[in-house]
N, C-alpha and C. Protein backbone atom coordinates (compact mmCIF):
# COMPACT_ATOMS: atom_id res chain seq x y z
N MET A 1 -10.17 5.31 -16.63
CA MET A 1 -10.78 3.92 -16.66
C MET A 1 -12.28 4.08 -15.70
N LYS A 2 -13.10 4.23 -15.55
CA LYS A 2 -14.33 4.07 -14.91
C LYS A 2 -14.62 2.93 -13.87
N TYR A 3 -14.17 1.85 -14.11
CA TYR A 3 -13.72 1.06 -12.98
C TYR A 3 -13.27 1.06 -12.03
N LEU A 4 -11.84 1.33 -12.50
CA LEU A 4 -11.08 1.68 -11.06
C LEU A 4 -11.24 2.77 -10.70
N SER A 5 -11.77 3.62 -10.82
CA SER A 5 -12.02 4.87 -10.16
C SER A 5 -12.89 4.32 -8.49
N GLY A 6 -12.44 4.43 -7.41
CA GLY A 6 -13.07 4.25 -6.37
C GLY A 6 -12.71 2.86 -5.87
N LEU A 7 -11.65 2.05 -6.34
CA LEU A 7 -11.53 0.32 -5.75
C LEU A 7 -10.61 1.19 -5.03
N VAL A 8 -10.40 0.30 -3.93
CA VAL A 8 -9.57 0.14 -2.69
C VAL A 8 -9.23 -1.43 -2.14
N VAL A 9 -7.99 -1.24 -2.03
CA VAL A 9 -7.28 -2.88 -1.45
C VAL A 9 -6.87 -2.86 -0.10
N ALA A 10 -6.60 -3.52 1.22
CA ALA A 10 -6.19 -3.67 2.22
C ALA A 10 -5.31 -2.74 2.84
N SER A 11 -5.47 -2.47 3.78
CA SER A 11 -4.14 -1.05 4.55
C SER A 11 -4.23 -1.38 6.21
N ALA A 12 -4.00 -0.38 6.94
CA ALA A 12 -3.87 -0.54 8.04
C ALA A 12 -5.20 -0.11 8.93
N ALA A 13 -5.83 0.58 7.97
CA ALA A 13 -7.48 0.51 8.57
C ALA A 13 -8.37 -0.44 8.63
N MET A 14 -7.75 -1.69 8.31
CA MET A 14 -8.42 -2.81 8.69
C MET A 14 -8.17 -3.24 10.01
N ALA A 15 -7.53 -2.87 10.81
CA ALA A 15 -8.22 -3.04 12.15
C ALA A 15 -7.07 -4.20 12.64
N ILE A 16 -5.98 -4.79 11.89
CA ILE A 16 -5.36 -5.77 12.14
C ILE A 16 -4.10 -5.56 12.35
N PRO A 17 -3.82 -5.87 13.70
CA PRO A 17 -2.17 -5.46 13.99
C PRO A 17 -1.36 -6.21 12.77
N LEU A 18 -0.61 -5.35 12.90
CA LEU A 18 0.56 -6.05 12.20
C LEU A 18 1.49 -7.50 13.25
N SER A 19 1.26 -6.72 14.46
CA SER A 19 1.88 -7.93 15.14
C SER A 19 1.48 -9.63 15.04
N ALA A 20 -0.17 -9.46 14.94
CA ALA A 20 -0.97 -10.37 14.64
C ALA A 20 -0.17 -11.28 13.71
N ALA A 21 0.15 -10.64 12.45
CA ALA A 21 0.35 -11.20 10.69
C ALA A 21 1.90 -11.31 11.11
N SER A 22 2.52 -11.14 11.87
CA SER A 22 4.06 -11.34 12.44
C SER A 22 4.38 -12.47 13.37
N ALA A 23 3.29 -12.79 13.94
CA ALA A 23 3.31 -13.95 15.23
C ALA A 23 3.29 -14.93 14.17
N GLN A 24 2.71 -15.42 12.77
CA GLN A 24 2.05 -16.28 12.13
C GLN A 24 3.33 -16.75 11.21
N GLY A 25 4.22 -15.47 10.85
CA GLY A 25 5.04 -16.10 9.84
C GLY A 25 5.32 -14.43 9.35
N VAL A 26 6.49 -14.75 8.32
CA VAL A 26 6.70 -13.69 7.17
C VAL A 26 5.39 -13.50 6.59
N TRP A 27 4.68 -12.23 6.62
CA TRP A 27 3.85 -11.99 5.29
C TRP A 27 4.26 -11.18 4.13
N VAL A 28 4.22 -11.89 2.81
CA VAL A 28 4.39 -10.97 1.80
C VAL A 28 3.39 -10.50 1.00
N PRO A 29 3.29 -9.25 1.23
CA PRO A 29 2.17 -8.69 0.65
C PRO A 29 1.14 -8.91 -0.53
N GLY A 30 0.42 -9.30 -0.53
CA GLY A 30 -0.51 -9.66 -1.58
C GLY A 30 -0.63 -11.16 -1.38
N SER A 31 -0.18 -12.08 -0.86
CA SER A 31 -0.04 -13.51 -0.94
C SER A 31 -1.12 -14.04 -0.41
N GLU A 32 -1.46 -13.20 0.55
CA GLU A 32 -3.14 -13.82 1.36
C GLU A 32 -4.51 -13.54 0.24
N ILE A 33 -4.22 -12.84 -1.11
CA ILE A 33 -5.31 -12.89 -1.77
C ILE A 33 -4.75 -13.02 -3.33
N VAL A 34 -3.63 -13.41 -3.39
CA VAL A 34 -3.21 -14.37 -5.07
C VAL A 34 -4.32 -16.20 -4.98
N GLY A 35 -4.96 -15.58 -6.05
CA GLY A 35 -6.15 -16.47 -6.56
C GLY A 35 -7.40 -16.39 -5.82
N GLN A 36 -7.70 -14.95 -5.33
CA GLN A 36 -8.65 -15.08 -4.27
C GLN A 36 -9.55 -13.84 -4.90
N SER A 37 -10.81 -13.28 -4.60
CA SER A 37 -11.52 -12.27 -5.31
C SER A 37 -11.86 -11.59 -3.69
N VAL A 38 -11.94 -10.09 -4.26
CA VAL A 38 -12.38 -9.05 -3.19
C VAL A 38 -13.28 -8.28 -3.68
N GLN A 39 -14.75 -8.03 -2.68
CA GLN A 39 -15.92 -7.08 -3.14
C GLN A 39 -15.58 -5.90 -2.71
N VAL A 40 -15.53 -4.85 -3.87
CA VAL A 40 -15.45 -3.63 -3.06
C VAL A 40 -16.26 -2.96 -3.57
N GLU A 41 -17.06 -2.26 -2.66
CA GLU A 41 -18.32 -1.16 -2.39
C GLU A 41 -17.86 0.25 -2.60
N THR A 42 -18.34 0.98 -3.58
CA THR A 42 -18.13 2.15 -3.64
C THR A 42 -19.15 2.57 -4.21
N ASN A 43 -19.63 4.05 -3.48
CA ASN A 43 -21.09 4.87 -4.15
C ASN A 43 -22.09 3.83 -4.34
N GLY A 44 -22.00 2.91 -3.53
CA GLY A 44 -23.11 1.62 -3.56
C GLY A 44 -22.99 0.91 -4.64
N ILE A 45 -22.27 0.76 -5.46
CA ILE A 45 -21.97 -0.21 -6.52
C ILE A 45 -20.81 -1.28 -5.77
N THR A 46 -21.05 -2.51 -5.91
CA THR A 46 -19.67 -3.06 -5.94
C THR A 46 -19.51 -4.34 -6.62
N ASN A 47 -18.36 -3.61 -6.98
CA ASN A 47 -17.52 -4.66 -8.06
C ASN A 47 -17.00 -5.73 -7.39
N THR A 48 -16.50 -6.88 -8.34
CA THR A 48 -15.54 -7.93 -7.87
C THR A 48 -14.00 -8.09 -8.06
N VAL A 49 -13.16 -8.06 -7.47
CA VAL A 49 -11.74 -7.78 -7.95
C VAL A 49 -11.19 -9.29 -7.81
N TYR A 50 -11.05 -9.99 -8.87
CA TYR A 50 -9.96 -11.07 -8.61
C TYR A 50 -8.82 -10.94 -9.04
N PHE A 51 -7.49 -11.40 -7.90
CA PHE A 51 -6.45 -11.04 -7.83
C PHE A 51 -5.37 -12.57 -8.07
N ASP A 52 -5.19 -12.44 -9.81
CA ASP A 52 -4.71 -13.70 -10.29
C ASP A 52 -3.08 -13.71 -9.93
N GLN A 53 -2.81 -14.97 -10.29
CA GLN A 53 -1.25 -15.43 -10.31
C GLN A 53 -0.58 -13.96 -11.24
N GLY A 54 0.78 -13.42 -11.01
CA GLY A 54 1.58 -13.04 -11.75
C GLY A 54 1.45 -11.71 -12.07
N GLY A 55 0.31 -11.19 -11.29
CA GLY A 55 -0.03 -9.71 -11.46
C GLY A 55 -1.47 -9.11 -12.13
N ALA A 56 -1.67 -10.76 -12.62
CA ALA A 56 -2.85 -10.06 -13.36
C ALA A 56 -4.15 -10.48 -12.96
N ALA A 57 -4.94 -9.03 -12.95
CA ALA A 57 -6.20 -8.73 -12.28
C ALA A 57 -7.32 -8.81 -12.97
N ARG A 58 -8.93 -8.93 -12.77
CA ARG A 58 -9.94 -9.00 -13.10
C ARG A 58 -10.99 -8.25 -12.45
N ILE A 59 -11.47 -7.12 -13.16
CA ILE A 59 -12.77 -6.17 -12.02
C ILE A 59 -13.92 -6.78 -12.73
N VAL A 60 -15.27 -7.40 -12.26
CA VAL A 60 -16.12 -7.19 -12.82
C VAL A 60 -16.84 -6.79 -12.52
N THR A 61 -18.15 -6.42 -13.09
CA THR A 61 -19.01 -5.05 -12.74
C THR A 61 -20.52 -5.93 -12.36
N PRO A 62 -20.69 -4.83 -11.61
CA PRO A 62 -22.41 -5.96 -11.30
C PRO A 62 -23.09 -6.08 -12.41
N ASN A 63 -22.83 -5.56 -13.75
CA ASN A 63 -23.48 -6.52 -14.89
C ASN A 63 -23.13 -7.85 -15.22
N GLY A 64 -21.73 -8.31 -14.85
CA GLY A 64 -21.03 -9.03 -15.12
C GLY A 64 -19.79 -9.14 -16.46
N THR A 65 -19.81 -7.81 -16.42
CA THR A 65 -18.65 -7.28 -17.95
C THR A 65 -17.61 -7.47 -16.77
N SER A 66 -16.11 -8.33 -17.31
CA SER A 66 -14.94 -8.16 -16.72
C SER A 66 -13.82 -7.53 -17.56
N VAL A 67 -13.28 -6.68 -16.74
CA VAL A 67 -12.71 -5.63 -17.20
C VAL A 67 -10.94 -5.89 -17.04
N PRO A 68 -10.09 -6.52 -17.97
CA PRO A 68 -8.97 -6.33 -17.67
C PRO A 68 -7.64 -5.63 -16.81
N ALA A 69 -7.28 -5.97 -15.79
CA ALA A 69 -6.09 -5.16 -14.98
C ALA A 69 -5.04 -5.65 -14.72
N THR A 70 -3.96 -5.08 -13.94
CA THR A 70 -3.15 -5.77 -13.15
C THR A 70 -2.78 -5.11 -11.93
N TRP A 71 -2.10 -5.73 -11.02
CA TRP A 71 -1.61 -5.37 -10.00
C TRP A 71 -0.66 -5.71 -9.23
N THR A 72 -0.24 -4.65 -8.47
CA THR A 72 0.86 -5.15 -7.53
C THR A 72 1.15 -4.48 -6.16
N ALA A 73 1.80 -5.50 -5.23
CA ALA A 73 1.69 -5.12 -3.61
C ALA A 73 3.27 -5.13 -3.25
N SER A 74 3.61 -3.35 -3.32
CA SER A 74 4.94 -3.49 -2.66
C SER A 74 5.20 -1.76 -1.73
N ALA A 75 6.28 -1.52 -1.60
CA ALA A 75 6.13 -0.25 -0.50
C ALA A 75 5.14 0.13 -0.07
N GLY A 76 4.50 -0.50 0.66
CA GLY A 76 3.38 -0.31 1.67
C GLY A 76 1.73 0.16 0.65
N LYS A 77 2.11 -0.29 -0.73
CA LYS A 77 0.62 0.07 -1.30
C LYS A 77 0.40 -0.92 -2.12
N LEU A 78 -0.91 -1.14 -2.23
CA LEU A 78 -1.45 -2.14 -3.33
C LEU A 78 -2.03 -1.62 -4.39
N CYS A 79 -1.62 -1.43 -5.61
CA CYS A 79 -2.16 -0.85 -6.45
C CYS A 79 -2.90 -1.53 -7.32
N LEU A 80 -3.78 -0.85 -8.12
CA LEU A 80 -4.36 -1.34 -9.57
C LEU A 80 -4.35 -0.72 -10.54
N TYR A 81 -3.85 -0.96 -11.78
CA TYR A 81 -3.77 -0.40 -13.29
C TYR A 81 -4.80 -1.44 -14.17
N GLY A 82 -5.61 0.34 -14.69
CA GLY A 82 -6.49 -0.14 -15.86
C GLY A 82 -5.78 0.20 -17.25
N SER A 83 -6.29 0.07 -18.19
CA SER A 83 -5.45 0.21 -19.57
C SER A 83 -5.26 1.82 -19.81
N ALA A 84 -6.16 3.04 -18.60
CA ALA A 84 -5.82 4.16 -19.11
C ALA A 84 -5.90 4.98 -17.32
N SER A 85 -5.93 4.45 -16.33
CA SER A 85 -5.93 4.86 -15.30
C SER A 85 -5.04 4.10 -14.06
N GLN A 86 -4.55 4.20 -13.26
CA GLN A 86 -4.19 3.59 -11.97
C GLN A 86 -4.59 3.70 -10.66
N GLU A 87 -4.86 3.20 -9.72
CA GLU A 87 -4.90 3.93 -8.38
C GLU A 87 -4.75 2.80 -7.51
N CYS A 88 -3.97 3.24 -6.66
CA CYS A 88 -3.36 3.12 -5.21
C CYS A 88 -3.89 2.86 -3.53
N TRP A 89 -3.48 1.74 -2.36
CA TRP A 89 -3.89 2.32 -1.38
C TRP A 89 -3.26 1.97 -0.32
N PRO A 90 -3.56 2.24 0.86
CA PRO A 90 -2.12 2.06 1.71
C PRO A 90 -2.23 0.12 1.66
N TYR A 91 -1.47 -0.20 2.21
CA TYR A 91 -1.63 -1.35 2.45
C TYR A 91 -0.46 -2.11 3.37
N GLN A 92 -1.00 -2.32 4.39
CA GLN A 92 -0.09 -2.39 6.07
C GLN A 92 0.40 -3.85 6.54
N ALA A 93 -1.58 -4.46 5.87
CA ALA A 93 -1.62 -5.55 7.14
C ALA A 93 -2.43 -6.16 6.03
N PRO A 94 -2.29 -8.02 5.84
CA PRO A 94 -3.08 -8.75 5.31
C PRO A 94 -4.40 -8.23 5.57
N PHE A 95 -5.10 -9.02 4.69
CA PHE A 95 -6.59 -9.04 4.27
C PHE A 95 -6.62 -10.24 5.59
N GLN A 96 -8.43 -10.47 5.92
CA GLN A 96 -8.24 -11.34 6.94
C GLN A 96 -10.47 -11.89 6.10
N ALA A 97 -10.56 -12.83 5.79
CA ALA A 97 -11.81 -13.48 5.19
C ALA A 97 -12.65 -12.70 6.31
N GLY A 98 -13.62 -12.21 5.76
CA GLY A 98 -15.21 -11.89 6.33
C GLY A 98 -14.81 -10.45 7.35
N GLN A 99 -13.37 -9.94 7.07
CA GLN A 99 -13.69 -8.67 7.79
C GLN A 99 -13.49 -7.64 7.02
N PRO A 100 -14.50 -6.60 6.98
CA PRO A 100 -14.28 -5.48 5.81
C PRO A 100 -13.52 -4.51 6.70
N ALA A 101 -12.66 -3.80 5.17
CA ALA A 101 -12.33 -2.66 5.49
C ALA A 101 -12.70 -1.57 4.64
N THR A 102 -12.39 -0.28 5.68
CA THR A 102 -12.74 0.78 4.37
C THR A 102 -11.36 1.69 4.41
N LEU A 103 -11.42 1.96 3.10
CA LEU A 103 -9.91 2.38 3.12
C LEU A 103 -10.19 3.44 1.75
N SER A 104 -9.25 4.74 1.85
CA SER A 104 -8.99 5.87 0.94
C SER A 104 -8.40 5.82 -0.05
N SER A 105 -8.53 5.91 -1.17
CA SER A 105 -7.77 5.54 -2.30
C SER A 105 -6.81 6.82 -2.83
N SER A 106 -5.74 6.46 -3.81
CA SER A 106 -4.79 7.67 -3.92
C SER A 106 -5.74 8.90 -4.59
N CYS A 107 -6.74 8.38 -4.77
CA CYS A 107 -8.01 9.27 -5.81
C CYS A 107 -9.08 9.61 -5.00
N ALA A 108 -8.35 9.47 -3.43
CA ALA A 108 -9.50 10.06 -2.41
C ALA A 108 -10.45 9.47 -2.20
N THR A 109 -10.68 8.42 -3.15
CA THR A 109 -12.04 7.99 -2.75
C THR A 109 -12.36 6.45 -1.44
N SER A 110 -13.49 6.89 -0.85
CA SER A 110 -13.52 6.00 0.16
C SER A 110 -14.32 5.14 -0.61
N SER A 111 -13.68 3.44 -0.06
CA SER A 111 -14.77 2.13 0.01
C SER A 111 -14.43 1.30 0.75
N ARG A 112 -15.51 0.22 0.55
CA ARG A 112 -15.22 -0.69 1.26
C ARG A 112 -14.91 -1.92 0.73
N TRP A 113 -14.34 -2.94 1.71
CA TRP A 113 -13.45 -4.35 0.91
C TRP A 113 -13.94 -5.21 1.52
N LEU A 114 -14.36 -6.17 1.34
CA LEU A 114 -14.47 -7.78 1.76
C LEU A 114 -13.98 -9.05 1.11
N ALA A 115 -12.92 -9.86 1.38
CA ALA A 115 -12.47 -10.72 1.03
C ALA A 115 -13.17 -11.63 1.70
N ALA A 116 -14.03 -12.65 0.72
CA ALA A 116 -14.76 -14.06 1.31
C ALA A 116 -13.70 -15.09 1.75
N ALA A 117 -12.31 -15.05 1.26
CA ALA A 117 -11.61 -16.11 1.54
C ALA A 117 -10.37 -15.66 1.18
N THR A 118 -8.98 -15.71 1.92
CA THR A 118 -7.73 -15.78 2.10
C THR A 118 -6.95 -16.75 1.90
N ASN A 119 -5.82 -16.80 1.50
CA ASN A 119 -4.79 -18.06 1.60
C ASN A 119 -3.81 -17.70 2.91
N PRO A 120 -3.97 -19.12 3.81
CA PRO A 120 -3.46 -18.82 4.69
C PRO A 120 -1.72 -18.25 4.88
N LEU A 121 -1.43 -17.66 6.12
CA LEU A 121 -0.06 -17.27 5.64
C LEU A 121 0.65 -18.23 6.20
N PRO A 122 1.95 -18.23 6.21
CA PRO A 122 3.15 -19.18 6.44
C PRO A 122 3.21 -18.96 7.60
N GLU A 123 3.79 -20.06 8.18
CA GLU A 123 3.77 -20.33 9.67
C GLU A 123 5.06 -19.73 10.33
N ALA A 124 5.16 -19.20 11.21
CA ALA A 124 6.51 -18.72 12.38
C ALA A 124 7.77 -19.59 12.08
N PRO A 125 8.88 -19.19 11.33
CA PRO A 125 9.52 -20.53 11.78
C PRO A 125 10.26 -20.66 13.21
N VAL A 126 10.16 -22.04 14.05
CA VAL A 126 10.27 -22.54 14.73
C VAL A 126 11.59 -22.41 15.36
N GLN A 127 11.99 -21.79 16.61
CA GLN A 127 13.55 -21.54 16.81
C GLN A 127 14.18 -23.06 17.48
N GLN A 128 15.12 -23.15 17.18
CA GLN A 128 15.84 -24.14 18.02
C GLN A 128 16.29 -23.93 19.37
N VAL A 129 16.09 -24.31 20.29
CA VAL A 129 17.24 -23.84 21.46
C VAL A 129 17.95 -24.87 21.67
N GLN A 130 19.32 -24.23 21.72
CA GLN A 130 20.84 -25.60 21.95
C GLN A 130 21.06 -25.25 23.04
N PRO A 131 21.06 -26.78 23.25
CA PRO A 131 21.33 -27.42 24.69
C PRO A 131 22.66 -26.42 25.12
N GLU A 132 22.52 -26.27 26.56
CA GLU A 132 24.20 -25.50 27.10
C GLU A 132 24.80 -26.49 26.77
N VAL A 133 25.95 -26.21 26.62
CA VAL A 133 27.61 -27.04 26.87
C VAL A 133 27.75 -26.86 27.89
N ARG A 134 28.27 -28.25 28.63
CA ARG A 134 29.15 -28.03 29.76
C ARG A 134 30.61 -28.39 29.66
N GLY A 135 31.32 -28.21 30.41
CA GLY A 135 32.50 -28.75 30.83
C GLY A 135 32.55 -29.95 31.31
N GLU A 136 33.67 -30.46 31.55
CA GLU A 136 33.70 -31.49 32.30
C GLU A 136 33.07 -31.68 33.70
N ARG A 137 33.16 -30.51 34.41
CA ARG A 137 32.84 -30.32 35.75
C ARG A 137 31.46 -29.54 36.01
N GLY A 138 30.71 -29.76 34.76
CA GLY A 138 29.37 -29.22 34.44
C GLY A 138 29.42 -27.46 34.38
N ARG A 139 30.27 -27.09 34.51
CA ARG A 139 30.72 -25.63 34.04
C ARG A 139 30.35 -25.36 32.82
């Protein structure tokens, strides 16, 4: 499928340290892009990929054609599946709005990805500090 060829999504190449994501909470791969779109530029052509709930995706071409697809985010990869093709990209860190990423796909195609908006990452759980229990003599 010609629309999938060259598409790419988030990876470690995004230059976002995983520790930054971890500091905010437990990141679930794909959670920051569900319901959002990402512009993908490959060989001078920009498609917009919409990552819908439940693994549905839409790839909208520059002329407005909408191509149905599906997507998954697991095992360190983000994959898009079309009717006759699939393409995967390394996916080690969440997208950040306005931060472009240049990524290489499983088809050895390099693309520039840009998320205009992302969903917030979950907050890190607050650790409760238990007060020290002392005996009757303060020990």
